[in-house]
Amino acid sequence: LRTIRISSMPKVLQSKGKGGLVLLPSHTRKAKLADSVTDWTNLGGDSLSTRELFVVLPLPPSINHQYATVNGRRVLASPGRHYKTAVARHLLAVLRQSPHRSGFLEQLETHALSLSLRFNFKTALRRDLDGGLKIAQDAICQAIDLNDNRITEIHLHKGLDAVRPRLECTLAVQEPITRPARAIRPLSMVIRTGRRPSSRS
């Protein structure tokens, strides 16, 4: 007897932890594969000055493909991890090639920052505007070893481009960070009372 292969039949997979079989149509497999691949074609236009980093990135994976549940915990799924790795590699290349790298990195240590994300989707209603915010912010901050609490402003924009879907990111330097001065206790009062003087008159 010969095995006959019928291409139109869905693939049969064993479902993990459910003790049964599931039918996985070929178009679903292709969609999952496409979503996990980061498309860097038709991008470009990156720039760096001492006060602003502008990069054009692929759109991040949709929110449904960013996370997975493993042993009851919500973890970053494979498409999300691959996206962050690719973004880090790209940002480091932009920094390495720019003569303004040192000046920009010095400004990051002493200034507040703003982040502007412009998502250009293929269609208007297929994806939410805020679905890619966290993974894009995390990817950029982790690539340059930046704590995201330094970002004091976030701007989100949604555009349409069926031919060249992309994410345009601008990380800009704002005002210097000022730390509140600590009150200095008079030495004579510290010796006499052993406690901080009262601020009330």
Protein backbone atom coordinates (compact mmCIF):
# COMPACT_ATOMS: atom_id res chain seq x y z
CA LEU A 1 0.00 0.00 0.00
CA ARG A 2 1.16 3.53 -0.80
CA THR A 3 0.67 6.60 1.36
CA ILE A 4 -1.40 9.18 -0.44
CA ARG A 5 -0.72 12.78 0.54
CA ILE A 6 -3.64 15.21 0.09
CA SER A 7 -2.37 18.81 0.22
CA SER A 8 -5.79 20.33 0.88
CA MET A 9 -6.23 18.45 4.17
CA PRO A 10 -5.33 20.36 7.34
CA LYS A 11 -2.31 19.24 9.32
CA VAL A 12 -3.10 17.15 12.42
CA LEU A 13 -1.19 18.15 15.54
CA GLN A 14 -1.28 16.81 19.06
CA SER A 15 -2.39 19.48 21.48
CA LYS A 16 -0.11 19.80 24.49
CA GLY A 17 -1.71 19.16 27.85
CA LYS A 18 -5.13 18.47 26.41
CA GLY A 19 -4.74 14.83 25.46
CA GLY A 20 -6.28 15.24 22.05
CA LEU A 21 -5.69 16.27 18.47
CA VAL A 22 -6.31 19.60 16.79
CA LEU A 23 -6.67 20.39 13.09
CA LEU A 24 -4.42 23.23 11.98
CA PRO A 25 -5.26 24.61 8.53
CA SER A 26 -2.37 25.56 6.29
CA HIS A 27 -3.35 29.25 6.16
CA THR A 28 -3.12 29.43 9.98
CA ARG A 29 0.38 27.96 9.92
CA LYS A 30 1.44 30.49 7.29
CA ALA A 31 -0.03 33.37 9.30
CA LYS A 32 1.87 32.32 12.43
CA LEU A 33 5.09 31.98 10.47
CA ALA A 34 4.66 35.38 8.83
CA ASP A 35 3.95 37.06 12.14
CA SER A 36 7.16 35.72 13.68
CA VAL A 37 9.38 37.08 10.87
CA THR A 38 10.58 40.68 11.20
CA ASP A 39 10.45 42.42 7.83
CA TRP A 40 13.23 45.02 7.41
CA THR A 41 12.64 45.67 3.70
CA ASN A 42 11.74 49.16 2.41
CA LEU A 43 12.85 50.79 5.67
CA GLY A 44 15.54 53.36 6.27
CA GLY A 45 15.99 57.03 7.07
CA ASP A 46 17.61 56.59 10.49
CA SER A 47 19.42 59.58 11.97
CA LEU A 48 21.21 60.55 15.19
CA SER A 49 22.16 63.93 16.64
CA THR A 50 23.36 64.85 20.10
CA ARG A 51 19.75 65.47 21.18
CA GLU A 52 17.62 63.07 19.11
CA LEU A 53 17.58 59.50 17.86
CA PHE A 54 15.26 58.71 14.94
CA VAL A 55 14.91 55.15 13.66
CA VAL A 56 12.49 53.40 11.33
CA LEU A 57 11.61 49.91 12.52
CA PRO A 58 9.32 47.11 11.38
CA LEU A 59 5.94 46.99 13.07
CA PRO A 60 6.09 44.91 16.26
CA PRO A 61 4.10 41.68 16.44
CA SER A 62 0.46 42.07 17.35
CA ILE A 63 -0.49 41.92 21.02
CA ASN A 64 -1.90 38.40 20.54
CA HIS A 65 1.54 37.16 19.45
CA GLN A 66 3.69 39.09 21.92
CA TYR A 67 3.01 36.99 25.01
CA ALA A 68 2.34 33.37 25.95
CA THR A 69 1.25 31.67 29.16
CA VAL A 70 3.78 29.16 30.51
CA ASN A 71 3.04 27.36 33.79
CA GLY A 72 0.49 30.01 34.65
CA ARG A 73 2.92 32.89 34.03
CA ARG A 74 2.67 35.50 31.28
CA VAL A 75 5.98 35.56 29.40
CA LEU A 76 7.27 37.12 26.21
CA ALA A 77 6.67 34.76 23.29
CA SER A 78 9.16 33.89 20.57
CA PRO A 79 8.00 36.60 18.06
CA GLY A 80 8.37 39.23 20.77
CA ARG A 81 11.84 38.05 21.75
CA HIS A 82 12.99 37.97 18.14
CA TYR A 83 11.64 41.47 17.56
CA LYS A 84 13.48 42.93 20.56
CA THR A 85 16.72 41.22 19.50
CA ALA A 86 16.43 42.58 15.95
CA VAL A 87 15.66 46.11 17.19
CA ALA A 88 18.65 46.03 19.56
CA ARG A 89 20.97 44.92 16.77
CA HIS A 90 19.69 47.70 14.49
CA LEU A 91 19.95 50.47 17.10
CA LEU A 92 23.48 49.50 18.06
CA ALA A 93 24.46 49.64 14.39
CA VAL A 94 22.98 53.15 14.08
CA LEU A 95 24.85 54.33 17.18
CA ARG A 96 28.10 52.71 16.09
CA GLN A 97 28.06 54.48 12.70
CA SER A 98 27.22 57.97 13.99
CA PRO A 99 29.81 60.59 15.05
CA HIS A 100 27.23 61.94 17.54
CA ARG A 101 27.07 58.73 19.58
CA SER A 102 29.09 59.94 22.57
CA GLY A 103 27.24 63.25 22.84
CA PHE A 104 23.85 61.60 22.66
CA LEU A 105 24.67 58.96 25.26
CA GLU A 106 26.01 61.64 27.63
CA GLN A 107 22.75 63.58 27.33
CA LEU A 108 20.77 60.46 28.23
CA GLU A 109 22.42 60.33 31.66
CA THR A 110 21.43 63.84 32.73
CA HIS A 111 18.20 64.74 30.92
CA ALA A 112 14.55 63.75 30.84
CA LEU A 113 13.43 62.13 27.58
CA SER A 114 10.42 62.01 25.30
CA LEU A 115 9.43 59.08 23.09
CA SER A 116 7.34 59.48 19.96
CA LEU A 117 6.01 56.38 18.19
CA ARG A 118 4.26 56.66 14.83
CA PHE A 119 2.70 53.35 13.75
CA ASN A 120 1.97 53.12 10.03
CA PHE A 121 -0.39 50.15 9.56
CA LYS A 122 -1.62 48.53 6.38
CA THR A 123 -5.26 49.05 7.38
CA ALA A 124 -6.98 51.41 9.82
CA LEU A 125 -9.01 48.96 11.90
CA ARG A 126 -6.91 45.82 12.11
CA ARG A 127 -4.65 46.84 15.02
CA ASP A 128 -4.93 49.05 18.11
CA LEU A 129 -2.68 52.05 18.53
CA ASP A 130 -1.39 51.14 22.00
CA GLY A 131 -0.81 47.43 21.32
CA GLY A 132 2.81 47.96 20.30
CA LEU A 133 3.74 50.63 22.84
CA LYS A 134 5.26 48.48 25.59
CA ILE A 135 7.30 46.13 23.40
CA ALA A 136 8.63 49.02 21.28
CA GLN A 137 9.59 51.06 24.35
CA ASP A 138 11.20 48.06 26.04
CA ALA A 139 13.13 47.14 22.88
CA ILE A 140 14.56 50.65 22.47
CA CYS A 141 15.40 51.18 26.15
CA GLN A 142 16.99 47.77 26.63
CA ALA A 143 19.08 48.16 23.47
CA ILE A 144 20.81 51.28 24.83
CA ASP A 145 20.72 50.20 28.50
CA LEU A 146 18.26 52.94 29.46
CA ASN A 147 15.81 52.77 32.37
CA ASP A 148 12.40 53.62 30.91
CA ASN A 149 11.50 55.73 33.95
CA ARG A 150 13.68 58.43 32.33
CA ILE A 151 10.95 58.90 29.69
CA THR A 152 8.62 61.66 30.89
CA GLU A 153 6.58 62.11 27.70
CA ILE A 154 5.11 59.57 25.28
CA HIS A 155 3.41 60.50 22.01
CA LEU A 156 1.49 57.92 19.95
CA HIS A 157 0.37 58.38 16.36
CA LYS A 158 -1.47 56.07 13.98
CA GLY A 159 -1.06 56.31 10.24
CA LEU A 160 -1.78 54.21 7.16
CA ASP A 161 0.65 52.91 4.57
CA ALA A 162 -0.34 49.72 2.77
CA VAL A 163 2.89 49.70 0.73
CA ARG A 164 5.41 50.45 3.47
CA PRO A 165 4.06 49.58 6.95
CA ARG A 166 6.56 50.65 9.61
CA LEU A 167 7.18 52.16 13.02
CA GLU A 168 8.90 55.54 13.21
CA CYS A 169 10.53 56.15 16.61
CA THR A 170 11.95 59.39 17.97
CA LEU A 171 13.77 59.45 21.30
CA ALA A 172 14.48 63.10 22.13
CA VAL A 173 16.37 64.83 24.92
CA GLN A 174 14.28 67.23 27.03
CA GLU A 175 15.15 69.42 30.02
CA PRO A 176 17.92 68.48 32.48
CA ILE A 177 16.91 66.41 35.49
CA THR A 178 17.08 68.45 38.68
CA ARG A 179 17.27 66.68 42.00
CA PRO A 180 15.76 68.33 45.10
CA ALA A 181 18.43 69.67 47.42
CA ARG A 182 18.63 67.98 50.82
CA ALA A 183 18.12 70.21 53.84
CA ILE A 184 21.29 70.60 55.88
CA ARG A 185 20.78 70.53 59.64
CA PRO A 186 22.71 73.10 61.67
CA LEU A 187 25.56 71.28 63.38
CA SER A 188 24.94 73.05 66.70
CA MET A 189 21.33 71.88 66.82
CA VAL A 190 22.30 68.30 65.94
CA ILE A 191 24.77 68.24 68.85
CA ARG A 192 22.34 69.89 71.29
CA THR A 193 19.13 67.98 70.51
CA GLY A 194 20.26 64.96 68.51
CA ARG A 195 17.34 65.39 66.08
CA ARG A 196 16.39 67.29 62.94
CA PRO A 197 15.10 70.85 63.52
CA SER A 198 11.39 71.43 62.90
CA SER A 199 10.41 73.25 59.70
CA ARG A 200 7.49 74.95 61.43
CA SER A 201 8.05 78.37 62.99
